[in-house]
């Protein structure tokens, strides 16, 4: 099951405490990009369905 945005934020915060480095910001940017891609896919599907 996929976590909600709130759950994913909590997971990232907990992981950040255990793992130092810039991966946390990278993960947030990747999540934002994935969200935008999913929104575009939904718009495209609506046009063809």
N, C-alpha and C. Protein backbone atom coordinates (compact mmCIF):
# COMPACT_ATOMS: atom_id res chain seq x y z
N UNK A 1 0.83 -1.17 0.00
CA UNK A 1 0.00 0.00 0.00
C UNK A 1 0.89 1.25 0.00
N UNK A 2 0.49 2.24 -0.76
CA UNK A 2 1.26 3.47 -0.87
C UNK A 2 0.92 4.40 0.30
N UNK A 3 1.94 5.02 0.92
CA UNK A 3 1.66 5.92 2.04
C UNK A 3 1.00 7.21 1.55
N UNK A 4 0.26 7.85 2.44
CA UNK A 4 -0.29 9.17 2.13
C UNK A 4 0.86 10.17 2.15
N UNK A 5 0.59 11.39 1.70
CA UNK A 5 1.63 12.42 1.72
C UNK A 5 2.09 12.69 3.15
N UNK A 6 1.15 12.72 4.07
CA UNK A 6 1.50 12.97 5.48
C UNK A 6 2.37 11.84 6.02
N UNK A 7 2.01 10.60 5.69
CA UNK A 7 2.80 9.45 6.14
C UNK A 7 4.19 9.47 5.51
N UNK A 8 4.27 9.82 4.24
CA UNK A 8 5.57 9.88 3.55
C UNK A 8 6.46 10.95 4.16
N UNK A 9 5.87 12.09 4.51
CA UNK A 9 6.64 13.16 5.17
C UNK A 9 7.22 12.66 6.50
N UNK A 10 6.40 11.94 7.26
CA UNK A 10 6.86 11.40 8.55
C UNK A 10 7.99 10.39 8.35
N UNK A 11 7.85 9.54 7.34
CA UNK A 11 8.90 8.56 7.03
C UNK A 11 10.20 9.27 6.68
N UNK A 12 10.11 10.32 5.85
CA UNK A 12 11.31 11.07 5.49
C UNK A 12 11.95 11.73 6.70
N UNK A 13 11.13 12.32 7.57
CA UNK A 13 11.66 12.96 8.77
C UNK A 13 12.37 11.96 9.67
N UNK A 14 11.78 10.79 9.85
CA UNK A 14 12.40 9.75 10.68
C UNK A 14 13.71 9.26 10.05
N UNK A 15 13.69 9.06 8.74
CA UNK A 15 14.89 8.57 8.05
C UNK A 15 15.99 9.61 8.08
N UNK A 16 15.62 10.89 8.01
CA UNK A 16 16.62 11.96 8.04
C UNK A 16 17.41 11.94 9.34
N UNK A 17 16.76 11.57 10.43
CA UNK A 17 17.44 11.51 11.72
C UNK A 17 18.48 10.38 11.77
N UNK A 18 18.26 9.35 10.97
CA UNK A 18 19.15 8.19 10.96
C UNK A 18 20.24 8.27 9.89
N UNK A 19 19.98 9.05 8.83
CA UNK A 19 20.88 9.08 7.68
C UNK A 19 21.18 10.52 7.30
N UNK A 20 22.38 10.95 7.57
CA UNK A 20 22.77 12.31 7.23
C UNK A 20 23.13 12.42 5.76
N UNK A 21 23.02 13.60 5.24
CA UNK A 21 23.41 13.83 3.84
C UNK A 21 22.31 14.53 3.06
N UNK A 22 22.58 14.75 1.78
CA UNK A 22 21.66 15.52 0.94
C UNK A 22 20.58 14.66 0.29
N UNK A 23 20.52 13.38 0.60
CA UNK A 23 19.54 12.50 -0.01
C UNK A 23 18.11 12.92 0.33
N UNK A 24 17.92 13.53 1.51
CA UNK A 24 16.57 13.91 1.94
C UNK A 24 15.99 14.95 0.99
N UNK A 25 16.75 15.98 0.66
CA UNK A 25 16.27 16.99 -0.28
C UNK A 25 16.04 16.37 -1.66
N UNK A 26 16.94 15.50 -2.07
CA UNK A 26 16.76 14.81 -3.36
C UNK A 26 15.46 14.01 -3.37
N UNK A 27 15.16 13.35 -2.28
CA UNK A 27 13.93 12.55 -2.18
C UNK A 27 12.69 13.44 -2.29
N UNK A 28 12.74 14.60 -1.68
CA UNK A 28 11.61 15.53 -1.76
C UNK A 28 11.42 16.07 -3.18
N UNK A 29 12.52 16.39 -3.84
CA UNK A 29 12.45 16.87 -5.23
C UNK A 29 11.91 15.76 -6.14
N UNK A 30 12.41 14.54 -5.96
CA UNK A 30 11.94 13.41 -6.76
C UNK A 30 10.44 13.17 -6.54
N UNK A 31 9.98 13.28 -5.30
CA UNK A 31 8.56 13.10 -5.00
C UNK A 31 7.72 14.19 -5.66
N UNK A 32 8.20 15.41 -5.63
CA UNK A 32 7.48 16.52 -6.28
C UNK A 32 7.38 16.28 -7.78
N UNK A 33 8.47 15.85 -8.41
CA UNK A 33 8.46 15.56 -9.84
C UNK A 33 7.50 14.42 -10.16
N UNK A 34 7.50 13.38 -9.35
CA UNK A 34 6.61 12.24 -9.57
C UNK A 34 5.15 12.68 -9.46
N UNK A 35 4.86 13.56 -8.51
CA UNK A 35 3.50 14.06 -8.35
C UNK A 35 3.04 14.82 -9.59
N UNK A 36 3.92 15.68 -10.14
CA UNK A 36 3.58 16.46 -11.33
C UNK A 36 3.39 15.55 -12.55
N UNK A 37 4.22 14.54 -12.68
CA UNK A 37 4.08 13.58 -13.79
C UNK A 37 2.75 12.84 -13.67
N UNK A 38 2.40 12.42 -12.47
CA UNK A 38 1.13 11.71 -12.26
C UNK A 38 -0.06 12.59 -12.62
N UNK A 39 0.01 13.87 -12.26
CA UNK A 39 -1.07 14.80 -12.60
C UNK A 39 -1.21 14.92 -14.11
N UNK A 40 -0.10 15.02 -14.82
CA UNK A 40 -0.16 15.11 -16.28
C UNK A 40 -0.71 13.83 -16.90
N UNK A 41 -0.33 12.69 -16.35
CA UNK A 41 -0.84 11.42 -16.86
C UNK A 41 -2.36 11.34 -16.69
N UNK A 42 -2.85 11.81 -15.56
CA UNK A 42 -4.30 11.81 -15.33
C UNK A 42 -5.00 12.70 -16.35
N UNK A 43 -4.42 13.86 -16.65
CA UNK A 43 -5.02 14.77 -17.63
C UNK A 43 -5.04 14.14 -19.01
N UNK A 44 -3.96 13.46 -19.38
CA UNK A 44 -3.88 12.81 -20.68
C UNK A 44 -4.91 11.70 -20.77
N UNK A 45 -5.02 10.89 -19.72
CA UNK A 45 -6.00 9.79 -19.72
C UNK A 45 -7.43 10.30 -19.86
N UNK A 46 -7.75 11.41 -19.22
CA UNK A 46 -9.09 11.99 -19.29
C UNK A 46 -9.45 12.35 -20.73
N UNK A 47 -8.45 12.81 -21.49
CA UNK A 47 -8.70 13.21 -22.87
C UNK A 47 -9.02 12.01 -23.76
N UNK A 48 -8.48 10.86 -23.43
CA UNK A 48 -8.65 9.69 -24.29
C UNK A 48 -9.70 8.70 -23.80
N UNK A 49 -10.19 8.87 -22.60
CA UNK A 49 -11.18 7.94 -22.07
C UNK A 49 -12.57 8.52 -22.09
